[in-house]
Structures are given as C-alpha cells and as structure tokens.
PDB file of N, CA and C in Angstrom:
ATOM      1  N   MET A   1      -3.965  33.337   6.391  1.00  0.00           N
ATOM      2  CA  MET A   1      -5.478  33.441   6.526  1.00  0.00           C
ATOM      3  C   MET A   1      -6.039  32.178   5.800  1.00  0.00           C
ATOM      4  N   ILE A   2      -5.501  32.053   4.629  1.00  0.00           N
ATOM      5  CA  ILE A   2      -6.192  30.765   4.000  1.00  0.00           C
ATOM      6  C   ILE A   2      -5.533  29.531   4.758  1.00  0.00           C
ATOM      7  N   GLY A   3      -4.418  29.737   5.193  1.00  0.00           N
ATOM      8  CA  GLY A   3      -3.846  28.365   6.046  1.00  0.00           C
ATOM      9  C   GLY A   3      -4.882  28.035   7.247  1.00  0.00           C
ATOM     10  N   LYS A   4      -5.265  28.812   7.685  1.00  0.00           N
ATOM     11  CA  LYS A   4      -6.202  28.796   9.037  1.00  0.00           C
ATOM     12  C   LYS A   4      -7.329  28.018   8.574  1.00  0.00           C
ATOM     13  N   GLU A   5      -8.051  28.644   7.335  1.00  0.00           N
ATOM     14  CA  GLU A   5      -8.997  27.913   6.884  1.00  0.00           C
ATOM     15  C   GLU A   5      -8.834  26.509   6.501  1.00  0.00           C
ATOM     16  N   ILE A   6      -8.064  26.217   5.993  1.00  0.00           N
ATOM     17  CA  ILE A   6      -7.455  24.793   5.646  1.00  0.00           C
ATOM     18  C   ILE A   6      -7.295  23.844   6.804  1.00  0.00           C
ATOM     19  N   ASP A   7      -6.613  24.622   7.785  1.00  0.00           N
ATOM     20  CA  ASP A   7      -6.496  23.760   9.112  1.00  0.00           C
ATOM     21  C   ASP A   7      -7.839  23.333   9.665  1.00  0.00           C
ATOM     22  N   ASP A   8      -8.699  24.449   9.567  1.00  0.00           N
ATOM     23  CA  ASP A   8     -10.061  24.036  10.298  1.00  0.00           C
ATOM     24  C   ASP A   8     -10.814  22.956   9.400  1.00  0.00           C
ATOM     25  N   TYR A   9     -10.842  23.371   8.248  1.00  0.00           N
ATOM     26  CA  TYR A   9     -11.443  22.297   7.425  1.00  0.00           C
ATOM     27  C   TYR A   9     -10.990  20.800   7.636  1.00  0.00           C
ATOM     28  N   ILE A  10      -9.541  20.642   7.740  1.00  0.00           N
ATOM     29  CA  ILE A  10      -9.024  19.312   7.936  1.00  0.00           C
ATOM     30  C   ILE A  10      -9.530  18.903   9.255  1.00  0.00           C
ATOM     31  N   LYS A  11      -9.435  19.607  10.374  1.00  0.00           N
ATOM     32  CA  LYS A  11      -9.818  19.357  11.690  1.00  0.00           C
ATOM     33  C   LYS A  11     -11.353  18.726  11.686  1.00  0.00           C
ATOM     34  N   GLN A  12     -12.068  19.587  10.794  1.00  0.00           N
ATOM     35  CA  GLN A  12     -13.710  19.178  10.784  1.00  0.00           C
ATOM     36  C   GLN A  12     -13.772  17.679  10.010  1.00  0.00           C
ATOM     37  N   ARG A  13     -13.116  17.570   9.010  1.00  0.00           N
ATOM     38  CA  ARG A  13     -13.245  16.308   8.290  1.00  0.00           C
ATOM     39  C   ARG A  13     -12.665  15.098   9.257  1.00  0.00           C
ATOM     40  N   VAL A  14     -11.470  15.379   9.905  1.00  0.00           N
ATOM     41  CA  VAL A  14     -11.019  14.178  10.911  1.00  0.00           C
ATOM     42  C   VAL A  14     -12.107  14.085  12.019  1.00  0.00           C
ATOM     43  N   ASP A  15     -12.577  15.067  12.501  1.00  0.00           N
ATOM     44  CA  ASP A  15     -13.480  14.927  13.560  1.00  0.00           C
ATOM     45  C   ASP A  15     -14.573  14.194  13.301  1.00  0.00           C
ATOM     46  N   ALA A  16     -15.075  14.549  12.076  1.00  0.00           N
ATOM     47  CA  ALA A  16     -16.409  13.974  11.301  1.00  0.00           C
ATOM     48  C   ALA A  16     -16.093  12.332  11.154  1.00  0.00           C
ATOM     49  N   PHE A  17     -14.961  12.164  10.679  1.00  0.00           N
ATOM     50  CA  PHE A  17     -14.543  10.565  10.414  1.00  0.00           C
ATOM     51  C   PHE A  17     -14.426   9.985  11.799  1.00  0.00           C
ATOM     52  N   LEU A  18     -13.701  10.512  12.793  1.00  0.00           N
ATOM     53  CA  LEU A  18     -13.546   9.879  14.059  1.00  0.00           C
ATOM     54  C   LEU A  18     -14.848   9.564  14.805  1.00  0.00           C
ATOM     55  N   ASN A  19     -15.687  10.507  14.696  1.00  0.00           N
ATOM     56  CA  ASN A  19     -17.020  10.213  15.302  1.00  0.00           C
ATOM     57  C   ASN A  19     -18.057   9.591  14.559  1.00  0.00           C
ATOM     58  N   LYS A  20     -17.613   8.982  13.482  1.00  0.00           N
ATOM     59  CA  LYS A  20     -18.345   8.259  12.617  1.00  0.00           C
ATOM     60  C   LYS A  20     -19.508   8.899  12.014  1.00  0.00           C
ATOM     61  N   GLU A  21     -19.258  10.193  11.689  1.00  0.00           N
ATOM     62  CA  GLU A  21     -20.321  10.880  10.990  1.00  0.00           C
ATOM     63  C   GLU A  21     -20.219  10.751   9.659  1.00  0.00           C
ATOM     64  N   GLU A  22     -19.199  10.261   9.136  1.00  0.00           N
ATOM     65  CA  GLU A  22     -18.730  10.146   7.774  1.00  0.00           C
ATOM     66  C   GLU A  22     -17.892   8.934   7.444  1.00  0.00           C
ATOM     67  N   GLU A  23     -18.167   8.246   6.441  1.00  0.00           N
ATOM     68  CA  GLU A  23     -17.440   7.193   6.019  1.00  0.00           C
ATOM     69  C   GLU A  23     -16.152   7.316   5.452  1.00  0.00           C
ATOM     70  N   MET A  24     -15.285   6.381   5.629  1.00  0.00           N
ATOM     71  CA  MET A  24     -13.978   6.610   4.918  1.00  0.00           C
ATOM     72  C   MET A  24     -14.146   6.656   3.333  1.00  0.00           C
ATOM     73  N   PRO A  25     -13.467   7.660   2.771  1.00  0.00           N
ATOM     74  CA  PRO A  25     -13.766   7.507   1.172  1.00  0.00           C
ATOM     75  C   PRO A  25     -13.549   6.494   0.493  1.00  0.00           C
ATOM     76  N   GLU A  26     -14.202   6.026  -0.273  1.00  0.00           N
ATOM     77  CA  GLU A  26     -13.872   4.740  -1.231  1.00  0.00           C
ATOM     78  C   GLU A  26     -12.531   4.626  -1.529  1.00  0.00           C
ATOM     79  N   HIS A  27     -11.889   5.634  -2.048  1.00  0.00           N
ATOM     80  CA  HIS A  27     -10.449   5.537  -2.421  1.00  0.00           C
ATOM     81  C   HIS A  27      -9.559   6.300  -1.593  1.00  0.00           C
ATOM     82  N   SER A  28      -9.466   5.834  -0.191  1.00  0.00           N
ATOM     83  CA  SER A  28      -8.891   6.446   0.763  1.00  0.00           C
ATOM     84  C   SER A  28      -7.339   6.126   0.439  1.00  0.00           C
ATOM     85  N   TYR A  29      -7.145   5.152  -0.208  1.00  0.00           N
ATOM     86  CA  TYR A  29      -5.569   5.130  -0.570  1.00  0.00           C
ATOM     87  C   TYR A  29      -5.897   4.145  -2.012  1.00  0.00           C
ATOM     88  N   ASP A  30      -5.525   4.868  -3.095  1.00  0.00           N
ATOM     89  CA  ASP A  30      -5.744   4.145  -4.286  1.00  0.00           C
ATOM     90  C   ASP A  30      -4.409   4.197  -5.100  1.00  0.00           C
ATOM     91  N   SER A  31      -3.467   3.219  -5.036  1.00  0.00           N
ATOM     92  CA  SER A  31      -2.105   3.031  -5.674  1.00  0.00           C
ATOM     93  C   SER A  31      -2.295   3.232  -7.055  1.00  0.00           C
ATOM     94  N   VAL A  32      -3.561   3.078  -7.779  1.00  0.00           N
ATOM     95  CA  VAL A  32      -3.764   3.091  -9.205  1.00  0.00           C
ATOM     96  C   VAL A  32      -3.218   4.284  -9.852  1.00  0.00           C
ATOM     97  N   PHE A  33      -3.607   5.376  -8.969  1.00  0.00           N
ATOM     98  CA  PHE A  33      -3.329   6.781  -9.507  1.00  0.00           C
ATOM     99  C   PHE A  33      -1.907   7.366  -9.085  1.00  0.00           C
ATOM    100  N   THR A  34      -1.187   6.530  -8.375  1.00  0.00           N
ATOM    101  CA  THR A  34       0.152   7.066  -7.704  1.00  0.00           C
ATOM    102  C   THR A  34       1.376   6.138  -8.238  1.00  0.00           C
ATOM    103  N   ASP A  35       0.980   4.819  -8.423  1.00  0.00           N
ATOM    104  CA  ASP A  35       2.042   3.901  -8.651  1.00  0.00           C
ATOM    105  C   ASP A  35       1.750   3.461 -10.117  1.00  0.00           C
ATOM    106  N   THR A  36       3.136   2.772 -10.539  1.00  0.00           N
ATOM    107  CA  THR A  36       2.929   2.066 -12.060  1.00  0.00           C
ATOM    108  C   THR A  36       2.633   0.574 -11.589  1.00  0.00           C
ATOM    109  N   PHE A  37       2.361  -0.071 -12.680  1.00  0.00           N
ATOM    110  CA  PHE A  37       2.196  -1.677 -12.480  1.00  0.00           C
ATOM    111  C   PHE A  37       3.394  -2.221 -11.831  1.00  0.00           C
ATOM    112  N   SER A  38       4.630  -1.916 -12.307  1.00  0.00           N
ATOM    113  CA  SER A  38       5.819  -2.439 -11.740  1.00  0.00           C
ATOM    114  C   SER A  38       6.096  -1.992 -10.290  1.00  0.00           C
ATOM    115  N   GLU A  39       5.701  -0.814  -9.929  1.00  0.00           N
ATOM    116  CA  GLU A  39       5.814  -0.413  -8.596  1.00  0.00           C
ATOM    117  C   GLU A  39       4.961  -1.053  -7.590  1.00  0.00           C
ATOM    118  N   LEU A  40       3.692  -1.347  -8.052  1.00  0.00           N
ATOM    119  CA  LEU A  40       2.648  -2.072  -7.174  1.00  0.00           C
ATOM    120  C   LEU A  40       3.253  -3.720  -7.176  1.00  0.00           C
ATOM    121  N   ILE A  41       3.810  -4.234  -8.207  1.00  0.00           N
ATOM    122  CA  ILE A  41       4.342  -5.685  -8.008  1.00  0.00           C
ATOM    123  C   ILE A  41       5.532  -5.466  -6.986  1.00  0.00           C
ATOM    124  N   ASP A  42       6.457  -4.580  -7.105  1.00  0.00           N
ATOM    125  CA  ASP A  42       7.510  -4.444  -6.320  1.00  0.00           C
ATOM    126  C   ASP A  42       7.118  -4.314  -4.897  1.00  0.00           C
ATOM    127  N   LYS A  43       6.180  -3.497  -4.551  1.00  0.00           N
ATOM    128  CA  LYS A  43       5.580  -3.343  -3.125  1.00  0.00           C
ATOM    129  C   LYS A  43       5.028  -4.595  -2.675  1.00  0.00           C
ATOM    130  N   LEU A  44       4.330  -5.451  -3.508  1.00  0.00           N
ATOM    131  CA  LEU A  44       3.698  -6.699  -3.088  1.00  0.00           C
ATOM    132  C   LEU A  44       4.894  -7.712  -2.682  1.00  0.00           C
ATOM    133  N   ILE A  45       5.958  -7.685  -3.532  1.00  0.00           N
ATOM    134  CA  ILE A  45       6.984  -8.558  -3.422  1.00  0.00           C
ATOM    135  C   ILE A  45       7.738  -8.201  -2.078  1.00  0.00           C
ATOM    136  N   ILE A  46       7.968  -7.001  -1.798  1.00  0.00           N
ATOM    137  CA  ILE A  46       8.591  -6.518  -0.465  1.00  0.00           C
ATOM    138  C   ILE A  46       7.669  -7.104   0.718  1.00  0.00           C
ATOM    139  N   VAL A  47       6.540  -6.936   0.694  1.00  0.00           N
ATOM    140  CA  VAL A  47       5.590  -7.160   1.648  1.00  0.00           C
ATOM    141  C   VAL A  47       5.656  -8.837   1.934  1.00  0.00           C
ATOM    142  N   HIS A  48       5.789  -9.701   0.876  1.00  0.00           N
ATOM    143  CA  HIS A  48       6.046 -10.876   1.098  1.00  0.00           C
ATOM    144  C   HIS A  48       7.447 -11.494   1.700  1.00  0.00           C
ATOM    145  N   ILE A  49       8.382 -10.712   1.136  1.00  0.00           N
ATOM    146  CA  ILE A  49       9.701 -10.938   1.821  1.00  0.00           C
ATOM    147  C   ILE A  49       9.911 -10.562   3.146  1.00  0.00           C
ATOM    148  N   ARG A  50       9.095  -9.388   3.510  1.00  0.00           N
ATOM    149  CA  ARG A  50       9.254  -9.070   5.015  1.00  0.00           C
ATOM    150  C   ARG A  50       8.457 -10.079   5.709  1.00  0.00           C
ATOM    151  N   TYR A  51       7.298 -10.630   5.130  1.00  0.00           N
ATOM    152  CA  TYR A  51       6.636 -11.624   5.910  1.00  0.00           C
ATOM    153  C   TYR A  51       7.381 -12.837   6.072  1.00  0.00           C
ATOM    154  N   TRP A  52       8.082 -13.331   4.989  1.00  0.00           N
ATOM    155  CA  TRP A  52       8.827 -14.491   5.081  1.00  0.00           C
ATOM    156  C   TRP A  52      10.015 -14.426   6.176  1.00  0.00           C
ATOM    157  N   ASN A  53      10.439 -13.261   6.267  1.00  0.00           N
ATOM    158  CA  ASN A  53      11.722 -13.004   7.362  1.00  0.00           C
ATOM    159  C   ASN A  53      11.151 -12.986   8.657  1.00  0.00           C
ATOM    160  N   ILE A  54       9.858 -12.526   8.888  1.00  0.00           N
ATOM    161  CA  ILE A  54       9.230 -12.479  10.047  1.00  0.00           C
ATOM    162  C   ILE A  54       8.833 -14.057  10.491  1.00  0.00           C
ATOM    163  N   GLU A  55       8.498 -14.802   9.420  1.00  0.00           N
ATOM    164  CA  GLU A  55       8.057 -16.179   9.639  1.00  0.00           C
ATOM    165  C   GLU A  55       9.456 -16.830  10.101  1.00  0.00           C
ATOM    166  N   ASP A  56      10.382 -16.629   9.578  1.00  0.00           N
ATOM    167  CA  ASP A  56      11.827 -17.301  10.100  1.00  0.00           C
ATOM    168  C   ASP A  56      12.023 -16.788  11.298  1.00  0.00           C
ATOM    169  N   ASP A  57      12.023 -15.543  11.638  1.00  0.00           N
ATOM    170  CA  ASP A  57      12.277 -15.159  12.922  1.00  0.00           C
ATOM    171  C   ASP A  57      11.251 -15.784  13.948  1.00  0.00           C
ATOM    172  N   MET A  58       9.986 -16.147  13.686  1.00  0.00           N
ATOM    173  CA  MET A  58       9.009 -16.747  14.592  1.00  0.00           C
ATOM    174  C   MET A  58       9.421 -18.061  14.882  1.00  0.00           C
ATOM    175  N   ALA A  59       9.976 -18.782  13.903  1.00  0.00           N
ATOM    176  CA  ALA A  59      10.430 -20.108  14.041  1.00  0.00           C
ATOM    177  C   ALA A  59      11.481 -20.376  14.896  1.00  0.00           C
ATOM    178  N   GLN A  60      12.367 -19.275  14.986  1.00  0.00           N
ATOM    179  CA  GLN A  60      13.360 -19.353  15.769  1.00  0.00           C
ATOM    180  C   GLN A  60      13.236 -18.418  17.191  1.00  0.00           C
ATOM    181  N   SER A  61      12.001 -18.085  17.525  1.00  0.00           N
ATOM    182  CA  SER A  61      11.829 -17.247  18.669  1.00  0.00           C
ATOM    183  C   SER A  61      12.045 -18.150  19.961  1.00  0.00           C
ATOM    184  N   HIS A  62      12.542 -17.529  20.979  1.00  0.00           N
ATOM    185  CA  HIS A  62      12.801 -18.103  22.253  1.00  0.00           C
ATOM    186  C   HIS A  62      11.696 -17.833  23.299  1.00  0.00           C
ATOM    187  N   SER A  63      10.753 -17.163  23.124  1.00  0.00           N
ATOM    188  CA  SER A  63       9.892 -16.937  24.229  1.00  0.00           C
ATOM    189  C   SER A  63       8.512 -16.573  23.557  1.00  0.00           C
ATOM    190  N   ASP A  64       7.488 -16.646  24.332  1.00  0.00           N
ATOM    191  CA  ASP A  64       6.004 -16.454  23.851  1.00  0.00           C
ATOM    192  C   ASP A  64       6.077 -14.916  23.721  1.00  0.00           C
ATOM    193  N   GLU A  65       6.595 -14.171  24.446  1.00  0.00           N
ATOM    194  CA  GLU A  65       6.455 -12.745  24.268  1.00  0.00           C
ATOM    195  C   GLU A  65       7.146 -12.409  22.930  1.00  0.00           C
ATOM    196  N   GLU A  66       8.131 -12.972  22.430  1.00  0.00           N
ATOM    197  CA  GLU A  66       8.920 -12.506  21.382  1.00  0.00           C
ATOM    198  C   GLU A  66       8.025 -12.931  20.166  1.00  0.00           C
ATOM    199  N   LEU A  67       7.443 -14.303  20.280  1.00  0.00           N
ATOM    200  CA  LEU A  67       6.599 -14.981  19.299  1.00  0.00           C
ATOM    201  C   LEU A  67       5.326 -14.096  19.113  1.00  0.00           C
ATOM    202  N   ALA A  68       4.847 -13.406  20.105  1.00  0.00           N
ATOM    203  CA  ALA A  68       3.652 -12.657  20.189  1.00  0.00           C
ATOM    204  C   ALA A  68       3.998 -11.261  19.505  1.00  0.00           C
ATOM    205  N   ALA A  69       5.156 -10.700  19.836  1.00  0.00           N
ATOM    206  CA  ALA A  69       5.543  -9.298  19.143  1.00  0.00           C
ATOM    207  C   ALA A  69       5.647  -9.758  17.647  1.00  0.00           C
ATOM    208  N   LEU A  70       6.331 -10.604  17.303  1.00  0.00           N
ATOM    209  CA  LEU A  70       6.638 -10.872  15.884  1.00  0.00           C
ATOM    210  C   LEU A  70       5.179 -11.181  15.221  1.00  0.00           C
ATOM    211  N   ARG A  71       4.294 -11.885  15.766  1.00  0.00           N
ATOM    212  CA  ARG A  71       2.943 -12.185  15.004  1.00  0.00           C
ATOM    213  C   ARG A  71       2.338 -10.779  14.931  1.00  0.00           C
ATOM    214  N   ARG A  72       2.203  -9.750  16.110  1.00  0.00           N
ATOM    215  CA  ARG A  72       1.744  -8.585  15.699  1.00  0.00           C
ATOM    216  C   ARG A  72       2.356  -7.791  14.753  1.00  0.00           C
ATOM    217  N   LYS A  73       3.623  -7.944  14.499  1.00  0.00           N
ATOM    218  CA  LYS A  73       4.418  -7.262  13.425  1.00  0.00           C
ATOM    219  C   LYS A  73       3.863  -7.902  12.048  1.00  0.00           C
ATOM    220  N   SER A  74       3.728  -9.081  11.870  1.00  0.00           N
ATOM    221  CA  SER A  74       3.259  -9.684  10.628  1.00  0.00           C
ATOM    222  C   SER A  74       1.830  -9.454  10.339  1.00  0.00           C
ATOM    223  N   GLU A  75       1.063  -9.192  11.066  1.00  0.00           N
ATOM    224  CA  GLU A  75      -0.395  -9.189  10.904  1.00  0.00           C
ATOM    225  C   GLU A  75      -0.836  -8.090  10.043  1.00  0.00           C
ATOM    226  N   PRO A  76      -0.429  -6.857  10.184  1.00  0.00           N
ATOM    227  CA  PRO A  76      -0.470  -5.769   9.164  1.00  0.00           C
ATOM    228  C   PRO A  76      -0.272  -6.004   7.680  1.00  0.00           C
ATOM    229  N   LEU A  77       0.953  -6.803   7.681  1.00  0.00           N
ATOM    230  CA  LEU A  77       1.308  -7.171   6.349  1.00  0.00           C
ATOM    231  C   LEU A  77       0.417  -8.015   5.420  1.00  0.00           C
ATOM    232  N   PHE A  78      -0.278  -8.870   6.121  1.00  0.00           N
ATOM    233  CA  PHE A  78      -1.070  -9.601   5.184  1.00  0.00           C
ATOM    234  C   PHE A  78      -2.611  -9.535   5.602  1.00  0.00           C
ATOM    235  N   LYS A  79      -3.059  -8.646   6.649  1.00  0.00           N
ATOM    236  CA  LYS A  79      -4.348  -8.181   6.777  1.00  0.00           C
ATOM    237  C   LYS A  79      -4.632  -6.757   6.304  1.00  0.00           C
ATOM    238  N   GLN A  80      -3.601  -6.067   6.124  1.00  0.00           N
ATOM    239  CA  GLN A  80      -3.875  -4.737   5.552  1.00  0.00           C
ATOM    240  C   GLN A  80      -3.252  -4.359   4.164  1.00  0.00           C
ATOM    241  N   LYS A  81      -1.658  -4.422   4.383  1.00  0.00           N
ATOM    242  CA  LYS A  81      -1.060  -3.967   3.138  1.00  0.00           C
ATOM    243  C   LYS A  81      -1.107  -4.751   1.769  1.00  0.00           C
ATOM    244  N   ARG A  82      -1.179  -6.113   2.083  1.00  0.00           N
ATOM    245  CA  ARG A  82      -1.319  -7.155   1.046  1.00  0.00           C
ATOM    246  C   ARG A  82      -2.534  -6.970   0.337  1.00  0.00           C
ATOM    247  N   PRO A  83      -3.677  -6.999   0.951  1.00  0.00           N
ATOM    248  CA  PRO A  83      -4.897  -6.727   0.238  1.00  0.00           C
ATOM    249  C   PRO A  83      -5.183  -5.481  -0.365  1.00  0.00           C
ATOM    250  N   MET A  84      -4.583  -4.332   0.261  1.00  0.00           N
ATOM    251  CA  MET A  84      -4.549  -3.066  -0.469  1.00  0.00           C
ATOM    252  C   MET A  84      -3.892  -3.278  -1.668  1.00  0.00           C
ATOM    253  N   LEU A  85      -2.757  -3.671  -1.819  1.00  0.00           N
ATOM    254  CA  LEU A  85      -1.925  -3.795  -2.912  1.00  0.00           C
ATOM    255  C   LEU A  85      -2.583  -4.692  -3.836  1.00  0.00           C
ATOM    256  N   VAL A  86      -3.068  -5.794  -3.720  1.00  0.00           N
ATOM    257  CA  VAL A  86      -3.978  -6.650  -4.550  1.00  0.00           C
ATOM    258  C   VAL A  86      -4.912  -6.104  -5.230  1.00  0.00           C
ATOM    259  N   THR A  87      -5.738  -5.373  -4.220  1.00  0.00           N
ATOM    260  CA  THR A  87      -6.918  -4.466  -4.819  1.00  0.00           C
ATOM    261  C   THR A  87      -6.522  -3.382  -5.841  1.00  0.00           C
ATOM    262  N   ALA A  88      -5.381  -2.745  -5.448  1.00  0.00           N
ATOM    263  CA  ALA A  88      -4.729  -1.627  -6.314  1.00  0.00           C
ATOM    264  C   ALA A  88      -4.352  -2.452  -7.824  1.00  0.00           C
ATOM    265  N   LEU A  89      -3.726  -3.432  -7.688  1.00  0.00           N
ATOM    266  CA  LEU A  89      -3.465  -4.127  -9.099  1.00  0.00           C
ATOM    267  C   LEU A  89      -4.625  -4.480  -9.715  1.00  0.00           C
ATOM    268  N   ASP A  90      -5.549  -4.966  -9.125  1.00  0.00           N
ATOM    269  CA  ASP A  90      -6.888  -5.536  -9.710  1.00  0.00           C
ATOM    270  C   ASP A  90      -7.416  -4.237 -10.392  1.00  0.00           C
ATOM    271  N   LYS A  91      -7.444  -3.018  -9.695  1.00  0.00           N
ATOM    272  CA  LYS A  91      -8.010  -1.929 -10.282  1.00  0.00           C
ATOM    273  C   LYS A  91      -7.322  -1.436 -11.488  1.00  0.00           C
ATOM    274  N   MET A  92      -6.014  -1.549 -11.315  1.00  0.00           N
ATOM    275  CA  MET A  92      -5.266  -1.241 -12.436  1.00  0.00           C
ATOM    276  C   MET A  92      -5.424  -1.997 -13.589  1.00  0.00           C
ATOM    277  N   ILE A  93      -5.477  -3.273 -13.462  1.00  0.00           N
ATOM    278  CA  ILE A  93      -5.714  -4.232 -14.531  1.00  0.00           C
ATOM    279  C   ILE A  93      -7.041  -3.957 -15.309  1.00  0.00           C
ATOM    280  N   LEU A  94      -8.055  -3.796 -14.504  1.00  0.00           N
ATOM    281  CA  LEU A  94      -9.378  -3.729 -14.964  1.00  0.00           C
ATOM    282  C   LEU A  94      -9.293  -2.323 -15.836  1.00  0.00           C
ATOM    283  N   ASN A  95      -8.735  -1.171 -15.204  1.00  0.00           N
ATOM    284  CA  ASN A  95      -8.773   0.170 -15.848  1.00  0.00           C
ATOM    285  C   ASN A  95      -7.882  -0.102 -17.321  1.00  0.00           C
ATOM    286  N   LEU A  96      -6.782  -0.808 -17.278  1.00  0.00           N
ATOM    287  CA  LEU A  96      -6.078  -1.024 -18.398  1.00  0.00           C
ATOM    288  C   LEU A  96      -6.806  -1.698 -19.313  1.00  0.00           C
ATOM    289  N   LEU A  97      -7.706  -2.651 -19.108  1.00  0.00           N
ATOM    290  CA  LEU A  97      -8.610  -3.415 -19.976  1.00  0.00           C
ATOM    291  C   LEU A  97      -9.531  -2.550 -20.520  1.00  0.00           C
ATOM    292  N   GLU A  98     -10.216  -1.794 -19.528  1.00  0.00           N
ATOM    293  CA  GLU A  98     -11.370  -0.852 -20.057  1.00  0.00           C
ATOM    294  C   GLU A  98     -10.928   0.260 -21.051  1.00  0.00           C
ATOM    295  N   GLY A  99      -9.645   0.655 -20.968  1.00  0.00           N
ATOM    296  CA  GLY A  99      -9.028   1.613 -21.811  1.00  0.00           C
ATOM    297  C   GLY A  99      -9.212   2.959 -20.994  1.00  0.00           C
ATOM    298  N   SER A 100      -9.516   2.859 -19.637  1.00  0.00           N
ATOM    299  CA  SER A 100      -9.865   4.168 -18.982  1.00  0.00           C
ATOM    300  C   SER A 100      -8.467   4.750 -18.489  1.00  0.00           C
ATOM    301  N   VAL A 101      -7.471   4.101 -18.697  1.00  0.00           N
ATOM    302  CA  VAL A 101      -6.044   4.468 -18.072  1.00  0.00           C
ATOM    303  C   VAL A 101      -4.971   4.023 -19.243  1.00  0.00           C
ATOM    304  N   GLN A 102      -4.356   4.954 -19.780  1.00  0.00           N
ATOM    305  CA  GLN A 102      -3.223   4.588 -20.618  1.00  0.00           C
ATOM    306  C   GLN A 102      -2.117   4.256 -20.116  1.00  0.00           C
ATOM    307  N   TYR A 103      -1.542   3.300 -20.353  1.00  0.00           N
ATOM    308  CA  TYR A 103      -0.267   2.891 -19.656  1.00  0.00           C
ATOM    309  C   TYR A 103       0.964   3.116 -20.625  1.00  0.00           C
ATOM    310  N   GLU A 104       1.818   4.287 -20.060  1.00  0.00           N
ATOM    311  CA  GLU A 104       2.846   4.675 -20.727  1.00  0.00           C
ATOM    312  C   GLU A 104       4.292   4.152 -19.983  1.00  0.00           C
ATOM    313  N   THR A 105       5.304   3.825 -20.441  1.00  0.00           N
ATOM    314  CA  THR A 105       6.425   3.547 -19.614  1.00  0.00           C
ATOM    315  C   THR A 105       7.032   4.980 -19.668  1.00  0.00           C
ATOM    316  N   THR A 106       7.342   5.307 -18.195  1.00  0.00           N
ATOM    317  CA  THR A 106       7.960   6.270 -17.864  1.00  0.00           C
ATOM    318  C   THR A 106       9.384   6.047 -17.013  1.00  0.00           C
ATOM    319  N   ASN A 107      10.158   6.981 -17.038  1.00  0.00           N
ATOM    320  CA  ASN A 107      11.465   6.701 -16.200  1.00  0.00           C
ATOM    321  C   ASN A 107      12.066   5.387 -16.545  1.00  0.00           C
ATOM    322  N   LEU A 108      12.287   5.151 -17.913  1.00  0.00           N
ATOM    323  CA  LEU A 108      12.843   4.003 -18.425  1.00  0.00           C
ATOM    324  C   LEU A 108      14.213   3.825 -18.038  1.00  0.00           C
ATOM    325  N   LYS A 109      14.639   2.902 -17.321  1.00  0.00           N
ATOM    326  CA  LYS A 109      16.022   2.784 -16.961  1.00  0.00           C
ATOM    327  C   LYS A 109      16.912   1.895 -17.885  1.00  0.00           C
ATOM    328  N   LYS A 110      18.086   2.467 -18.422  1.00  0.00           N
ATOM    329  CA  LYS A 110      18.632   1.613 -19.249  1.00  0.00           C
ATOM    330  C   LYS A 110      20.007   1.302 -18.680  1.00  0.00           C
ATOM    331  N   TYR A 111      20.094  -0.110 -18.407  1.00  0.00           N
ATOM    332  CA  TYR A 111      21.390  -0.286 -17.718  1.00  0.00           C
ATOM    333  C   TYR A 111      22.447  -0.666 -18.757  1.00  0.00           C
ATOM    334  N   LYS A 112      23.644  -0.454 -18.027  1.00  0.00           N
ATOM    335  CA  LYS A 112      24.911  -0.806 -18.995  1.00  0.00           C
ATOM    336  C   LYS A 112      24.952  -2.065 -19.659  1.00  0.00           C
ATOM    337  N   GLY A 113      24.959  -2.000 -20.857  1.00  0.00           N
ATOM    338  CA  GLY A 113      25.007  -3.339 -21.735  1.00  0.00           C
ATOM    339  C   GLY A 113      23.680  -3.819 -22.065  1.00  0.00           C
ATOM    340  N   TRP A 114      22.664  -2.878 -22.059  1.00  0.00           N
ATOM    341  CA  TRP A 114      21.205  -3.362 -22.165  1.00  0.00           C
ATOM    342  C   TRP A 114      21.037  -3.587 -23.727  1.00  0.00           C
ATOM    343  N   GLU A 115      21.935  -3.090 -24.494  1.00  0.00           N
ATOM    344  CA  GLU A 115      21.660  -3.423 -26.038  1.00  0.00           C
ATOM    345  C   GLU A 115      21.940  -4.761 -26.409  1.00  0.00           C
ATOM    346  N   LYS A 116      22.722  -5.571 -25.587  1.00  0.00           N
ATOM    347  CA  LYS A 116      23.158  -6.828 -25.875  1.00  0.00           C
ATOM    348  C   LYS A 116      22.208  -7.760 -25.521  1.00  0.00           C
TER     349      LYS A 116
END
C-alpha cells in the first residue's frame, strides 16, 4: 500500500519536472554530502584522463563519423561532469572554511610499510 503511494508521488514529481511545472532542485546532485574531498579529486582526475584518452583517439580517427562520435562522447565530460565536480569541490571548500561541515578522515587505508 505504501509502495503504491510512493510510486504515485515519484510519477507526479517526474511529470511535473518534465512538463516544466517545477524547477530542478538546486542540489539535484550535490557531491558535498556524498563524497569526501579526496573522492571528488579522484573523480575529477578520472574525467580528465578519460578526456585525454578521447583526445588521443580523436587525433588518430580515420573518418568524420568516428571523429563526430568521439566528440559526442567527450562533450558530457567537460560540459556536465567536470563543472558538476568543480562546483561540488567549491561548495565543500566553502563549507569547510565556514565550519558548517566538519572534515574527518574516514576509512583511512594503511598500506604495507606506511610507518617507514
């Protein structure tokens, strides 16, 4: 019974968003609350590495179709993912400076020989 109510609510919210009756929430994806600082940096590095690999493939492409496909593949990296991660990093840094978020090291990995 509650599952149907939840399903109906989700459908209503999605329909409202798709019909432009309501705006996308300001924090539709906010890494500040899900990722650590180092995880955000890792994700940003991965985006850059993927982009560089695609650039290399673009330089070696043999046809306009292949080049266009690679360009389409690269666009979300720098037009969506990179700005999203940079914004999340900015928010995290500001929150740390304001003291509204306390940064604590969690899941500290100690590798063999770390004492040396």
